[in-house]
Amino acid sequence: MAERPAGSAGLARSGGPDRSTGSAWEDVPRLQVRQFTDRAMDEVPSLAQEILDGIRREYPRVPLILDESGQLTALVGIRRALEDFVQHLVVQDATRPPVHLEVFQEFGRGEGLHGRSLDSLQAYYRLGVRLAWRRLAEIGQQVRIPPPAMYELAESGFAYLDGLVDQSVRGYAEAAARQAGERLRLQRKFTQVLLAEHRTDPTHSLTEHAARIGWALPERVAVAVLLRPARECVAPAVGQGVLLDMESEQPLMVVPDPGSAGRTELLRRAMKGWSGAIGPEVPLAEAAKSLRWATATVRLMERKLLPSGELLDCTEHTEALVLLPPEELIEDLTRRCLAPLADCGPTQSRRLSETLLAWLETRGGAPEVAARLGVHPQTVRYRMRQIRELWGDEVDDPDRRFELELVLRAQRLRGELSEPIR
């Protein structure tokens, strides 16, 4: 029986012929295997150069980079790959030789860092395998390696190619992740500069920050503050051009040209499952103002004073934003304006307040106020007599009426008074 080539297990693990399942290489005498591998190793330098030349002919734009020793990294990588593949045929012990694949990871990193796809890199590899197979087939004929063994070698070559591609994909993914992380860092820095309340950076500095992340400065923006539904939630798919800062305790979103056609609807769809508030549209230099109003709106949402579960437009809730946030001021005004109700019970106090507010809002007679409250006009007349007894001539003073309407509207916004019947 012919002597079995040493190191067959290592070859199987590396993508070479798998003798454990009955390889055709088991029937090839060791002397012929040695002759084949020796000639193939002798051909590696010229074969590597031929492969590189072939790649450069078919893909003249392929970038050529020198390593620290001044050699072409592509040529070094091709040579190492060929040596590694051939050596697996003649391993002298059960330990597979070291595989130098880091250069192929570096190829993938280079493609990723320069914004290219892996398609061209894989095309280079396939061309290299075809050229290598042509030369190995010639050597196989010279030393009379049986066709079945050479067929297995061809299959091993393409399996080995898959391994090289995997390494490049890994390097590409690492580069992409690194770039994405760097872009997010720069994007967050830009967002912080843009939203600074008292920004001292000159305009050209803002332009420089935007250029680093490839963001075209718009004339107007709106800023949103988001309420995170859960820590593990997926970031909203807001689309190109919208900046997201997901690292903040409450994520921020900068929307360029919010008034452009279809922008609002796109944002609402993208924000499904999220809630928050978007501030008013402002000039770019005043982005901090939009953030301030969005933040105030979110605070009211957190206090259950505004609805949650969607992206609120704060311009649609101006009354709440004006009346509710300065709590100390509005509470002090409320105590002074509604002091006449101090001796009334809770139910009577609420009914008189609702009637007074309806009258202030309509300035109509008993029928109009009654329709707004859903009660009988006579009930309104009775309550209005009580109100005049409590407040006297104050209800006829324009300034006092204005203050009363403010505090009563604030109470209604807080849910302390019923909504009128529209």
Protein backbone atom coordinates (compact mmCIF):
# COMPACT_ATOMS: atom_id res chain seq x y z
CA MET A 1 0.00 0.00 0.00
CA ALA A 2 1.33 3.46 -0.85
CA GLU A 3 2.73 5.52 2.00
CA ARG A 4 0.24 8.09 3.29
CA PRO A 5 1.49 11.70 3.19
CA ALA A 6 2.29 13.15 6.58
CA GLY A 7 0.21 15.97 8.01
CA SER A 8 -3.04 14.90 6.36
CA ALA A 9 -5.08 15.90 9.38
CA GLY A 10 -3.69 19.42 9.22
CA LEU A 11 -4.59 19.68 5.54
CA ALA A 12 -8.16 18.60 6.22
CA ARG A 13 -8.53 21.22 8.92
CA SER A 14 -7.20 23.97 6.69
CA GLY A 15 -9.46 23.32 3.75
CA GLY A 16 -7.15 20.81 2.04
CA PRO A 17 -8.09 17.27 0.93
CA ASP A 18 -9.82 15.43 3.75
CA ARG A 19 -8.17 11.99 3.95
CA SER A 20 -10.27 11.04 6.99
CA THR A 21 -13.14 10.37 4.63
CA GLY A 22 -11.15 8.56 1.94
CA SER A 23 -9.13 11.10 0.00
CA ALA A 24 -7.63 10.39 -3.40
CA TRP A 25 -4.34 11.72 -2.00
CA GLU A 26 -4.04 8.55 0.13
CA ASP A 27 -3.09 6.65 -3.02
CA VAL A 28 -0.43 9.15 -4.12
CA PRO A 29 3.09 7.96 -3.18
CA ARG A 30 4.85 10.25 -0.73
CA LEU A 31 7.70 10.86 -3.16
CA GLN A 32 5.31 12.33 -5.71
CA VAL A 33 3.65 14.47 -3.06
CA ARG A 34 7.08 15.76 -2.02
CA GLN A 35 8.01 16.50 -5.63
CA PHE A 36 4.77 18.36 -6.19
CA THR A 37 5.07 20.52 -3.06
CA ASP A 38 8.78 21.26 -3.60
CA ARG A 39 8.16 22.48 -7.14
CA ALA A 40 5.10 24.43 -6.04
CA MET A 41 7.09 26.15 -3.25
CA ASP A 42 9.82 27.02 -5.74
CA GLU A 43 7.19 28.60 -7.98
CA VAL A 44 5.56 30.66 -5.21
CA PRO A 45 7.59 33.90 -5.72
CA SER A 46 7.03 34.05 -9.48
CA LEU A 47 3.44 32.83 -9.15
CA ALA A 48 2.66 35.52 -6.57
CA GLN A 49 4.06 38.17 -8.91
CA GLU A 50 2.08 36.75 -11.84
CA ILE A 51 -1.13 36.88 -9.79
CA LEU A 52 -0.50 40.47 -8.73
CA ASP A 53 0.31 41.48 -12.31
CA GLY A 54 -2.87 39.79 -13.52
CA ILE A 55 -4.95 41.61 -10.91
CA ARG A 56 -3.41 44.94 -11.84
CA ARG A 57 -4.12 44.34 -15.54
CA GLU A 58 -7.77 43.54 -14.96
CA TYR A 59 -8.25 46.03 -12.13
CA PRO A 60 -5.85 48.91 -12.79
CA ARG A 61 -7.30 51.00 -9.96
CA VAL A 62 -6.41 48.50 -7.24
CA PRO A 63 -4.55 50.45 -4.51
CA LEU A 64 -0.94 49.37 -3.91
CA ILE A 65 0.38 49.92 -0.39
CA LEU A 66 3.89 49.32 0.93
CA ASP A 67 4.53 47.68 4.29
CA GLU A 68 7.15 48.78 6.81
CA SER A 69 9.90 46.93 4.93
CA GLY A 70 8.99 48.61 1.64
CA GLN A 71 7.31 45.55 0.08
CA LEU A 72 3.89 45.58 -1.51
CA THR A 73 1.44 44.30 1.08
CA ALA A 74 -0.64 42.64 -1.64
CA LEU A 75 2.38 40.72 -2.94
CA VAL A 76 3.34 39.64 0.58
CA GLY A 77 -0.19 38.48 1.26
CA ILE A 78 -0.45 36.46 -1.96
CA ARG A 79 2.91 34.81 -1.32
CA ARG A 80 2.02 33.90 2.25
CA ALA A 81 -1.33 32.47 1.20
CA LEU A 82 0.30 30.29 -1.47
CA GLU A 83 3.02 29.09 0.92
CA ASP A 84 0.49 28.27 3.61
CA PHE A 85 -1.71 26.32 1.22
CA VAL A 86 1.14 24.28 -0.25
CA GLN A 87 2.77 23.59 3.12
CA HIS A 88 -0.35 21.82 4.31
CA LEU A 89 0.50 18.98 1.95
CA VAL A 90 3.79 18.14 3.67
CA VAL A 91 3.41 18.90 7.37
CA GLN A 92 5.94 16.75 9.17
CA ASP A 93 3.88 16.34 12.35
CA ALA A 94 0.33 16.60 13.52
CA THR A 95 0.63 20.32 14.22
CA ARG A 96 -0.53 22.55 11.42
CA PRO A 97 1.93 25.30 10.44
CA PRO A 98 1.23 28.89 11.47
CA VAL A 99 -1.19 30.63 9.15
CA HIS A 100 -0.39 34.24 8.25
CA LEU A 101 -3.84 35.59 7.53
CA GLU A 102 -3.66 38.93 9.32
CA VAL A 103 -2.67 40.58 6.04
CA PHE A 104 -6.04 39.56 4.54
CA GLN A 105 -7.84 41.07 7.52
CA GLU A 106 -5.86 44.22 6.81
CA PHE A 107 -7.01 44.15 3.18
CA GLY A 108 -10.61 44.09 4.43
CA ARG A 109 -9.92 46.91 6.90
CA GLY A 110 -8.44 48.98 4.09
CA GLU A 111 -11.52 48.54 1.91
CA GLY A 112 -13.77 49.49 4.80
CA LEU A 113 -11.75 52.55 5.86
CA HIS A 114 -11.71 53.87 2.30
CA GLY A 115 -15.45 53.42 1.85
CA ARG A 116 -15.18 50.68 -0.79
CA SER A 117 -17.19 47.46 -0.94
CA LEU A 118 -15.75 43.96 -0.63
CA ASP A 119 -16.95 43.01 -4.13
CA SER A 120 -13.74 44.15 -5.82
CA LEU A 121 -11.56 42.45 -3.21
CA GLN A 122 -13.35 39.14 -3.69
CA ALA A 123 -12.92 39.51 -7.44
CA TYR A 124 -9.15 39.86 -6.91
CA TYR A 125 -9.13 36.69 -4.84
CA ARG A 126 -11.07 34.69 -7.43
CA LEU A 127 -8.71 35.78 -10.18
CA GLY A 128 -5.74 34.83 -8.02
CA VAL A 129 -7.13 31.35 -7.36
CA ARG A 130 -7.70 30.77 -11.09
CA LEU A 131 -4.12 31.76 -11.93
CA ALA A 132 -2.73 29.69 -9.05
CA TRP A 133 -4.73 26.65 -10.09
CA ARG A 134 -3.44 26.92 -13.65
CA ARG A 135 0.19 26.80 -12.41
CA LEU A 136 -0.47 24.01 -9.88
CA ALA A 137 -2.20 21.96 -12.58
CA GLU A 138 0.91 22.24 -14.75
CA ILE A 139 3.10 21.05 -11.86
CA GLY A 140 0.68 18.21 -11.18
CA GLN A 141 1.03 17.02 -14.78
CA GLN A 142 4.81 17.25 -14.57
CA VAL A 143 5.03 14.96 -11.52
CA ARG A 144 2.06 12.85 -12.66
CA ILE A 145 -0.33 13.47 -9.79
CA PRO A 146 -3.53 11.50 -10.57
CA PRO A 147 -6.48 13.63 -11.77
CA PRO A 148 -8.74 12.68 -8.80
CA ALA A 149 -6.14 14.08 -6.38
CA MET A 150 -5.82 17.27 -8.43
CA TYR A 151 -9.58 17.68 -8.50
CA GLU A 152 -9.57 17.49 -4.71
CA LEU A 153 -6.78 20.05 -4.65
CA ALA A 154 -8.87 22.42 -6.77
CA GLU A 155 -11.79 22.06 -4.38
CA SER A 156 -9.42 22.70 -1.48
CA GLY A 157 -8.16 25.84 -3.21
CA PHE A 158 -11.65 27.31 -3.42
CA ALA A 159 -12.37 26.29 0.18
CA TYR A 160 -9.15 28.03 1.18
CA LEU A 161 -10.29 31.08 -0.80
CA ASP A 162 -13.45 31.16 1.28
CA GLY A 163 -11.28 31.30 4.39
CA LEU A 164 -9.33 34.26 3.05
CA VAL A 165 -12.56 36.04 2.18
CA ASP A 166 -13.83 35.38 5.71
CA GLN A 167 -10.73 37.04 7.12
CA SER A 168 -11.21 40.06 4.87
CA VAL A 169 -14.87 40.28 5.86
CA ARG A 170 -13.82 40.26 9.51
CA GLY A 171 -11.34 43.07 8.91
CA TYR A 172 -13.94 44.97 6.90
CA ALA A 173 -16.49 44.63 9.69
CA GLU A 174 -13.96 45.83 12.26
CA ALA A 175 -13.19 48.88 10.14
CA ALA A 176 -16.87 49.59 9.60
CA ALA A 177 -17.55 49.35 13.33
CA ARG A 178 -14.58 51.59 14.09
CA GLN A 179 -15.73 54.15 11.54
CA ALA A 180 -19.29 54.03 12.82
CA GLY A 181 -18.06 54.55 16.38
CA GLU A 182 -15.86 57.46 15.34
CA ARG A 183 -18.67 59.05 13.36
CA LEU A 184 -21.02 58.74 16.32
CA ARG A 185 -18.41 60.37 18.55
CA LEU A 186 -17.94 63.26 16.12
CA GLN A 187 -21.71 63.52 15.61
CA ARG A 188 -22.28 63.79 19.35
CA LYS A 189 -19.56 66.43 19.64
CA PHE A 190 -21.18 68.40 16.82
CA THR A 191 -24.61 68.10 18.47
CA GLN A 192 -23.21 69.39 21.76
CA VAL A 193 -21.62 72.37 20.03
CA LEU A 194 -24.78 73.09 18.03
CA LEU A 195 -27.08 72.93 21.05
CA ALA A 196 -24.92 74.87 23.48
CA GLU A 197 -27.09 77.56 25.09
CA HIS A 198 -24.38 80.20 24.89
CA ARG A 199 -22.28 78.97 22.00
CA THR A 200 -19.01 80.81 21.58
CA ASP A 201 -17.74 78.83 18.58
CA PRO A 202 -17.67 80.95 15.43
CA THR A 203 -19.77 79.86 12.48
CA HIS A 204 -16.79 78.46 10.60
CA SER A 205 -16.10 76.13 13.55
CA LEU A 206 -19.64 74.77 13.30
CA THR A 207 -19.07 74.25 9.59
CA GLU A 208 -15.87 72.32 10.32
CA HIS A 209 -17.64 70.06 12.82
CA ALA A 210 -20.42 69.36 10.30
CA ALA A 211 -17.90 68.60 7.53
CA ARG A 212 -16.26 65.91 9.67
CA ILE A 213 -19.52 63.94 9.75
CA GLY A 214 -20.55 64.80 6.19
CA TRP A 215 -23.59 66.83 7.30
CA ALA A 216 -24.70 69.70 5.11
CA LEU A 217 -25.62 72.64 7.32
CA PRO A 218 -29.31 73.53 6.82
CA GLU A 219 -30.75 76.99 7.26
CA ARG A 220 -33.33 75.87 9.81
CA VAL A 221 -33.65 72.99 12.26
CA ALA A 222 -35.96 71.58 14.90
CA VAL A 223 -34.67 69.68 17.92
CA ALA A 224 -36.49 66.80 19.57
CA VAL A 225 -36.08 65.21 23.00
CA LEU A 226 -37.05 61.54 23.10
CA LEU A 227 -38.36 59.39 25.92
CA ARG A 228 -36.66 56.00 25.80
CA PRO A 229 -39.28 53.21 25.97
CA ALA A 230 -36.72 50.69 27.23
CA ARG A 231 -32.94 50.53 27.57
CA GLU A 232 -32.65 47.77 24.97
CA CYS A 233 -34.93 49.44 22.44
CA VAL A 234 -33.75 49.90 18.87
CA ALA A 235 -32.96 53.45 17.77
CA PRO A 236 -35.63 54.98 15.54
CA ALA A 237 -34.88 54.69 11.82
CA VAL A 238 -35.10 58.42 11.17
CA GLY A 239 -33.39 58.36 7.79
CA GLN A 240 -30.48 60.18 6.26
CA GLY A 241 -29.75 63.73 7.35
CA VAL A 242 -31.43 63.51 10.77
CA LEU A 243 -28.89 63.47 13.59
CA LEU A 244 -29.44 61.20 16.58
CA ASP A 245 -27.64 61.32 19.90
CA MET A 246 -28.59 58.07 21.61
CA GLU A 247 -25.89 58.36 24.30
CA SER A 248 -27.64 61.11 26.22
CA GLU A 249 -29.85 60.14 29.16
CA GLN A 250 -32.73 61.33 27.02
CA PRO A 251 -31.87 60.87 23.33
CA LEU A 252 -31.77 63.96 21.17
CA MET A 253 -32.69 64.38 17.52
CA VAL A 254 -31.75 67.26 15.23
CA VAL A 255 -34.03 67.53 12.20
CA PRO A 256 -32.78 69.62 9.27
CA ASP A 257 -35.31 71.69 7.31
CA PRO A 258 -38.29 70.30 9.28
CA GLY A 259 -40.77 72.17 7.12
CA SER A 260 -39.77 70.33 3.94
CA ALA A 261 -42.47 68.28 2.20
CA GLY A 262 -43.17 64.92 3.83
CA ARG A 263 -40.66 65.39 6.67
CA THR A 264 -43.26 65.37 9.46
CA GLU A 265 -44.97 62.19 8.23
CA LEU A 266 -41.65 60.39 7.79
CA LEU A 267 -40.64 61.26 11.33
CA ARG A 268 -43.92 60.08 12.79
CA ARG A 269 -43.56 56.71 11.05
CA ALA A 270 -39.93 56.38 12.12
CA MET A 271 -40.83 57.19 15.72
CA LYS A 272 -43.31 54.34 16.10
CA GLY A 273 -42.91 52.93 19.60
CA TRP A 274 -41.13 56.06 20.80
CA SER A 275 -42.47 59.20 22.39
CA GLY A 276 -41.06 62.64 22.96
CA ALA A 277 -41.42 66.21 21.80
CA ILE A 278 -40.03 68.20 18.91
CA GLY A 279 -39.34 71.88 19.38
CA PRO A 280 -40.26 74.69 17.00
CA GLU A 281 -38.46 75.25 13.72
CA VAL A 282 -35.72 77.84 14.26
CA PRO A 283 -32.67 79.21 12.42
CA LEU A 284 -29.65 76.92 12.77
CA ALA A 285 -27.87 79.33 15.12
CA GLU A 286 -30.86 79.24 17.51
CA ALA A 287 -31.08 75.44 17.80
CA ALA A 288 -30.75 75.70 21.60
CA LYS A 289 -34.12 77.50 21.72
CA SER A 290 -35.83 74.60 19.99
CA LEU A 291 -34.18 72.20 22.42
CA ARG A 292 -35.37 74.28 25.38
CA TRP A 293 -39.03 74.12 24.32
CA ALA A 294 -38.80 70.41 23.49
CA THR A 295 -37.31 69.74 26.92
CA ALA A 296 -40.09 71.69 28.62
CA THR A 297 -42.71 69.71 26.70
CA VAL A 298 -41.13 66.39 27.69
CA ARG A 299 -41.14 67.46 31.34
CA LEU A 300 -44.91 67.97 31.11
CA MET A 301 -45.26 64.57 29.44
CA GLU A 302 -43.34 62.96 32.31
CA ARG A 303 -45.73 64.64 34.78
CA LYS A 304 -48.69 63.19 32.82
CA LEU A 305 -49.85 66.71 31.95
CA LEU A 306 -49.44 66.05 28.23
CA PRO A 307 -50.13 62.79 26.38
CA SER A 308 -47.27 60.36 25.75
CA GLY A 309 -46.84 57.54 23.25
CA GLU A 310 -46.12 59.76 20.26
CA LEU A 311 -43.87 62.57 19.07
CA LEU A 312 -45.60 65.78 20.17
CA ASP A 313 -45.14 69.03 18.31
CA CYS A 314 -44.63 71.56 21.09
CA THR A 315 -46.10 74.35 18.95
CA GLU A 316 -49.45 72.58 19.30
CA HIS A 317 -49.25 72.81 23.11
CA THR A 318 -48.25 76.44 23.58
CA GLU A 319 -50.90 77.09 26.23
CA ALA A 320 -49.59 74.29 28.43
CA LEU A 321 -46.00 75.40 27.94
CA VAL A 322 -46.82 78.97 28.89
CA LEU A 323 -49.05 78.24 31.89
CA LEU A 324 -47.67 75.08 33.48
CA PRO A 325 -43.84 75.13 33.69
CA PRO A 326 -43.38 78.18 36.03
CA GLU A 327 -45.20 76.36 38.85
CA GLU A 328 -44.17 78.67 41.69
CA LEU A 329 -45.41 81.77 39.87
CA ILE A 330 -48.71 80.29 38.69
CA GLU A 331 -49.39 78.74 42.12
CA ASP A 332 -48.81 82.05 43.85
CA LEU A 333 -51.10 83.81 41.38
CA THR A 334 -53.69 81.06 41.86
CA ARG A 335 -53.72 81.53 45.65
CA ARG A 336 -54.28 85.26 45.29
CA CYS A 337 -56.86 85.13 42.48
CA LEU A 338 -58.93 82.30 43.92
CA ALA A 339 -58.78 83.41 47.54
CA PRO A 340 -62.55 84.16 47.53
CA LEU A 341 -63.18 80.39 47.16
CA ALA A 342 -61.28 79.56 50.35
CA ASP A 343 -64.45 79.03 52.38
CA CYS A 344 -66.24 76.99 49.69
CA GLY A 345 -66.24 73.21 49.66
CA PRO A 346 -64.32 71.30 46.94
CA THR A 347 -67.40 70.55 44.83
CA GLN A 348 -68.81 74.08 45.01
CA SER A 349 -65.36 75.53 44.36
CA ARG A 350 -64.89 73.40 41.23
CA ARG A 351 -68.36 74.25 39.85
CA LEU A 352 -67.94 77.99 40.39
CA SER A 353 -64.44 77.88 38.83
CA GLU A 354 -65.71 76.05 35.75
CA THR A 355 -68.58 78.50 35.38
CA LEU A 356 -66.31 81.52 35.83
CA LEU A 357 -63.85 80.19 33.22
CA ALA A 358 -66.64 79.46 30.73
CA TRP A 359 -67.95 83.01 31.20
CA LEU A 360 -64.47 84.52 30.79
CA GLU A 361 -63.86 82.52 27.62
CA THR A 362 -67.22 83.24 25.99
CA ARG A 363 -68.21 86.59 27.59
CA GLY A 364 -71.68 85.49 26.62
CA GLY A 365 -74.97 85.27 28.46
CA ALA A 366 -76.34 82.41 30.54
CA PRO A 367 -77.43 80.32 27.48
CA GLU A 368 -73.94 80.39 25.90
CA VAL A 369 -72.21 79.53 29.18
CA ALA A 370 -74.79 76.82 29.95
CA ALA A 371 -74.19 75.20 26.53
CA ARG A 372 -70.44 75.18 27.20
CA LEU A 373 -70.93 73.55 30.59
CA GLY A 374 -73.82 71.25 29.72
CA VAL A 375 -76.11 72.65 32.44
CA HIS A 376 -79.37 74.62 32.55
CA PRO A 377 -79.11 78.42 31.99
CA GLN A 378 -80.82 79.02 35.31
CA THR A 379 -78.00 77.10 37.00
CA VAL A 380 -75.52 79.43 35.35
CA ARG A 381 -77.42 82.53 36.52
CA TYR A 382 -77.42 81.21 40.08
CA ARG A 383 -73.68 80.48 40.00
CA MET A 384 -72.88 83.88 38.45
CA ARG A 385 -74.69 85.61 41.33
CA GLN A 386 -72.49 83.66 43.74
CA ILE A 387 -69.38 84.62 41.76
CA ARG A 388 -70.26 88.33 41.92
CA GLU A 389 -70.85 88.04 45.64
CA LEU A 390 -67.41 86.46 46.09
CA TRP A 391 -65.34 88.64 43.71
CA GLY A 392 -67.41 91.78 43.53
CA ASP A 393 -66.31 94.35 40.98
CA GLU A 394 -63.03 92.46 40.32
CA VAL A 395 -64.73 90.37 37.62
CA ASP A 396 -65.30 93.59 35.66
CA ASP A 397 -61.65 94.68 35.83
CA PRO A 398 -59.78 93.65 32.60
CA ASP A 399 -56.48 92.93 34.37
CA ARG A 400 -58.20 90.83 37.07
CA ARG A 401 -60.22 88.92 34.46
CA PHE A 402 -56.98 88.15 32.57
CA GLU A 403 -55.30 86.78 35.72
CA LEU A 404 -58.39 84.74 36.60
CA GLU A 405 -58.50 83.19 33.15
CA LEU A 406 -54.78 82.33 33.33
CA VAL A 407 -55.02 80.48 36.64
CA LEU A 408 -58.28 78.73 35.74
CA ARG A 409 -56.90 77.59 32.38
CA ALA A 410 -53.84 76.25 34.20
CA GLN A 411 -56.08 74.29 36.55
CA ARG A 412 -57.95 72.83 33.59
CA LEU A 413 -54.68 71.81 31.93
CA ARG A 414 -53.73 70.01 35.14
CA GLY A 415 -57.05 68.15 35.07
CA GLU A 416 -58.47 69.92 38.11
CA LEU A 417 -61.38 71.36 36.08
CA SER A 418 -63.50 69.63 33.46
CA GLU A 419 -63.02 70.28 29.75
CA PRO A 420 -65.84 72.38 28.23
CA ILE A 421 -68.38 70.86 25.85
CA ARG A 422 -67.36 71.98 22.38
